[in-house]
Amino acid sequence: MANQPTVKIQLVRSPIGCKQDHRATVIGLGLRKLNSVSELQDTPAVRGMINKISYLVKVL
């Protein structure tokens, strides 16, 4: 379990003018300010969240 694959994502666009559930997804992924980076476990749930807000984030 210790060497679970991870994915790094960075918030590159502001979620200010976006839908409320997209903003909630950004917060759920642990992203706060612009250009903040979050490293999460690579699970289907996290991949789905990234796909939902793909226009706001960049996968590093």
PDB file of N, CA and C in Angstrom:
ATOM      1  N   MET A   1       0.806  -1.197   0.000  1.00  0.00           N
ATOM      2  CA  MET A   1       0.000   0.000   0.000  1.00  0.00           C
ATOM      3  C   MET A   1       0.852   1.265   0.000  1.00  0.00           C
ATOM      4  N   ALA A   2       2.086   1.156   0.474  1.00  0.00           N
ATOM      5  CA  ALA A   2       2.917   2.343   0.613  1.00  0.00           C
ATOM      6  C   ALA A   2       3.333   2.921  -0.731  1.00  0.00           C
ATOM      7  N   ASN A   3       3.516   2.073  -1.748  1.00  0.00           N
ATOM      8  CA  ASN A   3       3.955   2.590  -3.038  1.00  0.00           C
ATOM      9  C   ASN A   3       2.781   2.699  -4.011  1.00  0.00           C
ATOM     10  N   GLN A   4       1.672   3.240  -3.522  1.00  0.00           N
ATOM     11  CA  GLN A   4       0.489   3.494  -4.351  1.00  0.00           C
ATOM     12  C   GLN A   4       0.826   4.572  -5.386  1.00  0.00           C
ATOM     13  N   PRO A   5       0.432   4.396  -6.653  1.00  0.00           N
ATOM     14  CA  PRO A   5       0.726   5.427  -7.649  1.00  0.00           C
ATOM     15  C   PRO A   5      -0.008   6.729  -7.322  1.00  0.00           C
ATOM     16  N   THR A   6       0.670   7.836  -7.556  1.00  0.00           N
ATOM     17  CA  THR A   6       0.086   9.143  -7.260  1.00  0.00           C
ATOM     18  C   THR A   6       0.018   9.977  -8.529  1.00  0.00           C
ATOM     19  N   VAL A   7      -0.779  11.029  -8.472  1.00  0.00           N
ATOM     20  CA  VAL A   7      -0.902  11.970  -9.576  1.00  0.00           C
ATOM     21  C   VAL A   7      -0.795  13.379  -8.981  1.00  0.00           C
ATOM     22  N   LYS A   8      -0.018  14.241  -9.641  1.00  0.00           N
ATOM     23  CA  LYS A   8       0.142  15.626  -9.195  1.00  0.00           C
ATOM     24  C   LYS A   8      -0.679  16.516 -10.115  1.00  0.00           C
ATOM     25  N   ILE A   9      -1.478  17.407  -9.526  1.00  0.00           N
ATOM     26  CA  ILE A   9      -2.261  18.336 -10.323  1.00  0.00           C
ATOM     27  C   ILE A   9      -2.019  19.755  -9.842  1.00  0.00           C
ATOM     28  N   GLN A  10      -2.130  20.706 -10.768  1.00  0.00           N
ATOM     29  CA  GLN A  10      -1.903  22.114 -10.467  1.00  0.00           C
ATOM     30  C   GLN A  10      -3.084  22.919 -10.978  1.00  0.00           C
ATOM     31  N   LEU A  11      -3.574  23.847 -10.164  1.00  0.00           N
ATOM     32  CA  LEU A  11      -4.673  24.724 -10.552  1.00  0.00           C
ATOM     33  C   LEU A  11      -4.104  25.852 -11.411  1.00  0.00           C
ATOM     34  N   VAL A  12      -4.493  25.915 -12.688  1.00  0.00           N
ATOM     35  CA  VAL A  12      -3.915  26.904 -13.602  1.00  0.00           C
ATOM     36  C   VAL A  12      -4.918  27.976 -14.031  1.00  0.00           C
ATOM     37  N   ARG A  13      -6.219  27.757 -13.772  1.00  0.00           N
ATOM     38  CA  ARG A  13      -7.221  28.775 -14.064  1.00  0.00           C
ATOM     39  C   ARG A  13      -8.084  29.000 -12.838  1.00  0.00           C
ATOM     40  N   SER A  14      -8.591  30.205 -12.686  1.00  0.00           N
ATOM     41  CA  SER A  14      -9.408  30.538 -11.530  1.00  0.00           C
ATOM     42  C   SER A  14     -10.814  29.949 -11.669  1.00  0.00           C
ATOM     43  N   PRO A  15     -11.340  29.371 -10.597  1.00  0.00           N
ATOM     44  CA  PRO A  15     -12.699  28.821 -10.641  1.00  0.00           C
ATOM     45  C   PRO A  15     -13.782  29.848 -10.312  1.00  0.00           C
ATOM     46  N   ILE A  16     -13.457  31.142 -10.358  1.00  0.00           N
ATOM     47  CA  ILE A  16     -14.396  32.175  -9.920  1.00  0.00           C
ATOM     48  C   ILE A  16     -15.678  32.183 -10.757  1.00  0.00           C
ATOM     49  N   GLY A  17     -15.569  32.133 -12.081  1.00  0.00           N
ATOM     50  CA  GLY A  17     -16.767  32.220 -12.910  1.00  0.00           C
ATOM     51  C   GLY A  17     -17.394  30.878 -13.232  1.00  0.00           C
ATOM     52  N   CYS A  18     -17.004  29.839 -12.514  1.00  0.00           N
ATOM     53  CA  CYS A  18     -17.434  28.472 -12.840  1.00  0.00           C
ATOM     54  C   CYS A  18     -18.660  28.075 -12.029  1.00  0.00           C
ATOM     55  N   LYS A  19     -19.215  26.910 -12.394  1.00  0.00           N
ATOM     56  CA  LYS A  19     -20.346  26.359 -11.656  1.00  0.00           C
ATOM     57  C   LYS A  19     -19.927  26.049 -10.222  1.00  0.00           C
ATOM     58  N   GLN A  20     -20.914  26.048  -9.346  1.00  0.00           N
ATOM     59  CA  GLN A  20     -20.644  25.802  -7.927  1.00  0.00           C
ATOM     60  C   GLN A  20     -20.081  24.400  -7.702  1.00  0.00           C
ATOM     61  N   ASP A  21     -20.574  23.395  -8.429  1.00  0.00           N
ATOM     62  CA  ASP A  21     -20.063  22.038  -8.203  1.00  0.00           C
ATOM     63  C   ASP A  21     -18.654  21.880  -8.745  1.00  0.00           C
ATOM     64  N   HIS A  22     -18.265  22.674  -9.734  1.00  0.00           N
ATOM     65  CA  HIS A  22     -16.881  22.638 -10.206  1.00  0.00           C
ATOM     66  C   HIS A  22     -15.961  23.270  -9.169  1.00  0.00           C
ATOM     67  N   ARG A  23     -16.420  24.342  -8.531  1.00  0.00           N
ATOM     68  CA  ARG A  23     -15.631  24.947  -7.452  1.00  0.00           C
ATOM     69  C   ARG A  23     -15.459  23.973  -6.294  1.00  0.00           C
ATOM     70  N   ALA A  24     -16.521  23.251  -5.981  1.00  0.00           N
ATOM     71  CA  ALA A  24     -16.452  22.261  -4.901  1.00  0.00           C
ATOM     72  C   ALA A  24     -15.485  21.137  -5.251  1.00  0.00           C
ATOM     73  N   THR A  25     -15.421  20.774  -6.525  1.00  0.00           N
ATOM     74  CA  THR A  25     -14.486  19.734  -6.963  1.00  0.00           C
ATOM     75  C   THR A  25     -13.049  20.206  -6.796  1.00  0.00           C
ATOM     76  N   VAL A  26     -12.786  21.480  -7.114  1.00  0.00           N
ATOM     77  CA  VAL A  26     -11.440  22.044  -6.935  1.00  0.00           C
ATOM     78  C   VAL A  26     -11.028  21.951  -5.467  1.00  0.00           C
ATOM     79  N   ILE A  27     -11.929  22.334  -4.578  1.00  0.00           N
ATOM     80  CA  ILE A  27     -11.633  22.278  -3.140  1.00  0.00           C
ATOM     81  C   ILE A  27     -11.462  20.825  -2.696  1.00  0.00           C
ATOM     82  N   GLY A  28     -12.289  19.939  -3.233  1.00  0.00           N
ATOM     83  CA  GLY A  28     -12.210  18.525  -2.885  1.00  0.00           C
ATOM     84  C   GLY A  28     -10.891  17.883  -3.280  1.00  0.00           C
ATOM     85  N   LEU A  29     -10.275  18.411  -4.331  1.00  0.00           N
ATOM     86  CA  LEU A  29      -8.967  17.908  -4.752  1.00  0.00           C
ATOM     87  C   LEU A  29      -7.818  18.528  -3.948  1.00  0.00           C
ATOM     88  N   GLY A  30      -8.145  19.424  -3.027  1.00  0.00           N
ATOM     89  CA  GLY A  30      -7.120  20.014  -2.176  1.00  0.00           C
ATOM     90  C   GLY A  30      -6.427  21.218  -2.787  1.00  0.00           C
ATOM     91  N   LEU A  31      -7.033  21.823  -3.800  1.00  0.00           N
ATOM     92  CA  LEU A  31      -6.442  22.992  -4.450  1.00  0.00           C
ATOM     93  C   LEU A  31      -7.086  24.247  -3.889  1.00  0.00           C
ATOM     94  N   ARG A  32      -6.254  25.227  -3.545  1.00  0.00           N
ATOM     95  CA  ARG A  32      -6.782  26.452  -2.954  1.00  0.00           C
ATOM     96  C   ARG A  32      -6.520  27.653  -3.859  1.00  0.00           C
ATOM     97  N   LYS A  33      -5.279  28.099  -3.890  1.00  0.00           N
ATOM     98  CA  LYS A  33      -4.936  29.278  -4.678  1.00  0.00           C
ATOM     99  C   LYS A  33      -4.494  28.891  -6.077  1.00  0.00           C
ATOM    100  N   LEU A  34      -4.425  29.869  -6.939  1.00  0.00           N
ATOM    101  CA  LEU A  34      -3.931  29.658  -8.287  1.00  0.00           C
ATOM    102  C   LEU A  34      -2.497  29.134  -8.221  1.00  0.00           C
ATOM    103  N   ASN A  35      -2.168  28.199  -9.079  1.00  0.00           N
ATOM    104  CA  ASN A  35      -0.855  27.551  -9.170  1.00  0.00           C
ATOM    105  C   ASN A  35      -0.535  26.652  -7.977  1.00  0.00           C
ATOM    106  N   SER A  36      -1.512  26.381  -7.107  1.00  0.00           N
ATOM    107  CA  SER A  36      -1.258  25.439  -6.019  1.00  0.00           C
ATOM    108  C   SER A  36      -1.216  24.024  -6.589  1.00  0.00           C
ATOM    109  N   VAL A  37      -0.385  23.176  -5.967  1.00  0.00           N
ATOM    110  CA  VAL A  37      -0.176  21.809  -6.441  1.00  0.00           C
ATOM    111  C   VAL A  37      -0.642  20.843  -5.366  1.00  0.00           C
ATOM    112  N   SER A  38      -1.304  19.786  -5.790  1.00  0.00           N
ATOM    113  CA  SER A  38      -1.776  18.751  -4.873  1.00  0.00           C
ATOM    114  C   SER A  38      -1.357  17.394  -5.417  1.00  0.00           C
ATOM    115  N   GLU A  39      -0.874  16.525  -4.534  1.00  0.00           N
ATOM    116  CA  GLU A  39      -0.482  15.167  -4.923  1.00  0.00           C
ATOM    117  C   GLU A  39      -1.455  14.191  -4.279  1.00  0.00           C
ATOM    118  N   LEU A  40      -2.176  13.450  -5.118  1.00  0.00           N
ATOM    119  CA  LEU A  40      -3.220  12.558  -4.641  1.00  0.00           C
ATOM    120  C   LEU A  40      -2.988  11.152  -5.156  1.00  0.00           C
ATOM    121  N   GLN A  41      -3.625  10.172  -4.517  1.00  0.00           N
ATOM    122  CA  GLN A  41      -3.549   8.791  -5.002  1.00  0.00           C
ATOM    123  C   GLN A  41      -4.294   8.690  -6.325  1.00  0.00           C
ATOM    124  N   ASP A  42      -3.749   7.909  -7.229  1.00  0.00           N
ATOM    125  CA  ASP A  42      -4.315   7.765  -8.565  1.00  0.00           C
ATOM    126  C   ASP A  42      -5.426   6.710  -8.538  1.00  0.00           C
ATOM    127  N   THR A  43      -6.652   7.155  -8.211  1.00  0.00           N
ATOM    128  CA  THR A  43      -7.813   6.263  -8.159  1.00  0.00           C
ATOM    129  C   THR A  43      -8.814   6.695  -9.230  1.00  0.00           C
ATOM    130  N   PRO A  44      -9.742   5.819  -9.589  1.00  0.00           N
ATOM    131  CA  PRO A  44     -10.763   6.219 -10.570  1.00  0.00           C
ATOM    132  C   PRO A  44     -11.594   7.424 -10.123  1.00  0.00           C
ATOM    133  N   ALA A  45     -11.843   7.565  -8.831  1.00  0.00           N
ATOM    134  CA  ALA A  45     -12.608   8.707  -8.332  1.00  0.00           C
ATOM    135  C   ALA A  45     -11.861  10.008  -8.556  1.00  0.00           C
ATOM    136  N   VAL A  46     -10.567  10.011  -8.249  1.00  0.00           N
ATOM    137  CA  VAL A  46      -9.752  11.211  -8.438  1.00  0.00           C
ATOM    138  C   VAL A  46      -9.629  11.525  -9.926  1.00  0.00           C
ATOM    139  N   ARG A  47      -9.450  10.500 -10.761  1.00  0.00           N
ATOM    140  CA  ARG A  47      -9.374  10.710 -12.212  1.00  0.00           C
ATOM    141  C   ARG A  47     -10.668  11.330 -12.751  1.00  0.00           C
ATOM    142  N   GLY A  48     -11.801  10.888 -12.219  1.00  0.00           N
ATOM    143  CA  GLY A  48     -13.078  11.461 -12.636  1.00  0.00           C
ATOM    144  C   GLY A  48     -13.208  12.919 -12.252  1.00  0.00           C
ATOM    145  N   MET A  49     -12.728  13.261 -11.059  1.00  0.00           N
ATOM    146  CA  MET A  49     -12.761  14.664 -10.621  1.00  0.00           C
ATOM    147  C   MET A  49     -11.867  15.523 -11.505  1.00  0.00           C
ATOM    148  N   ILE A  50     -10.695  14.990 -11.868  1.00  0.00           N
ATOM    149  CA  ILE A  50      -9.771  15.732 -12.733  1.00  0.00           C
ATOM    150  C   ILE A  50     -10.407  15.939 -14.107  1.00  0.00           C
ATOM    151  N   ASN A  51     -11.069  14.904 -14.640  1.00  0.00           N
ATOM    152  CA  ASN A  51     -11.722  15.035 -15.942  1.00  0.00           C
ATOM    153  C   ASN A  51     -12.838  16.066 -15.908  1.00  0.00           C
ATOM    154  N   LYS A  52     -13.534  16.154 -14.806  1.00  0.00           N
ATOM    155  CA  LYS A  52     -14.654  17.100 -14.665  1.00  0.00           C
ATOM    156  C   LYS A  52     -14.166  18.543 -14.763  1.00  0.00           C
ATOM    157  N   ILE A  53     -13.000  18.832 -14.168  1.00  0.00           N
ATOM    158  CA  ILE A  53     -12.496  20.214 -14.167  1.00  0.00           C
ATOM    159  C   ILE A  53     -11.198  20.302 -14.958  1.00  0.00           C
ATOM    160  N   SER A  54     -11.111  19.542 -16.056  1.00  0.00           N
ATOM    161  CA  SER A  54      -9.869  19.486 -16.832  1.00  0.00           C
ATOM    162  C   SER A  54      -9.479  20.826 -17.420  1.00  0.00           C
ATOM    163  N   TYR A  55     -10.457  21.732 -17.610  1.00  0.00           N
ATOM    164  CA  TYR A  55     -10.147  23.052 -18.156  1.00  0.00           C
ATOM    165  C   TYR A  55      -9.562  24.000 -17.115  1.00  0.00           C
ATOM    166  N   LEU A  56      -9.529  23.574 -15.849  1.00  0.00           N
ATOM    167  CA  LEU A  56      -8.970  24.400 -14.771  1.00  0.00           C
ATOM    168  C   LEU A  56      -7.619  23.912 -14.273  1.00  0.00           C
ATOM    169  N   VAL A  57      -7.312  22.643 -14.505  1.00  0.00           N
ATOM    170  CA  VAL A  57      -6.113  22.049 -13.915  1.00  0.00           C
ATOM    171  C   VAL A  57      -5.162  21.520 -14.971  1.00  0.00           C
ATOM    172  N   LYS A  58      -3.924  21.302 -14.522  1.00  0.00           N
ATOM    173  CA  LYS A  58      -2.892  20.684 -15.368  1.00  0.00           C
ATOM    174  C   LYS A  58      -2.304  19.520 -14.583  1.00  0.00           C
ATOM    175  N   VAL A  59      -2.170  18.365 -15.244  1.00  0.00           N
ATOM    176  CA  VAL A  59      -1.563  17.192 -14.609  1.00  0.00           C
ATOM    177  C   VAL A  59      -0.063  17.283 -14.809  1.00  0.00           C
ATOM    178  N   LEU A  60       0.672  17.221 -13.701  1.00  0.00           N
ATOM    179  CA  LEU A  60       2.136  17.361 -13.776  1.00  0.00           C
ATOM    180  C   LEU A  60       2.802  16.003 -13.850  1.00  0.00           C
TER     181      LEU A  60
END
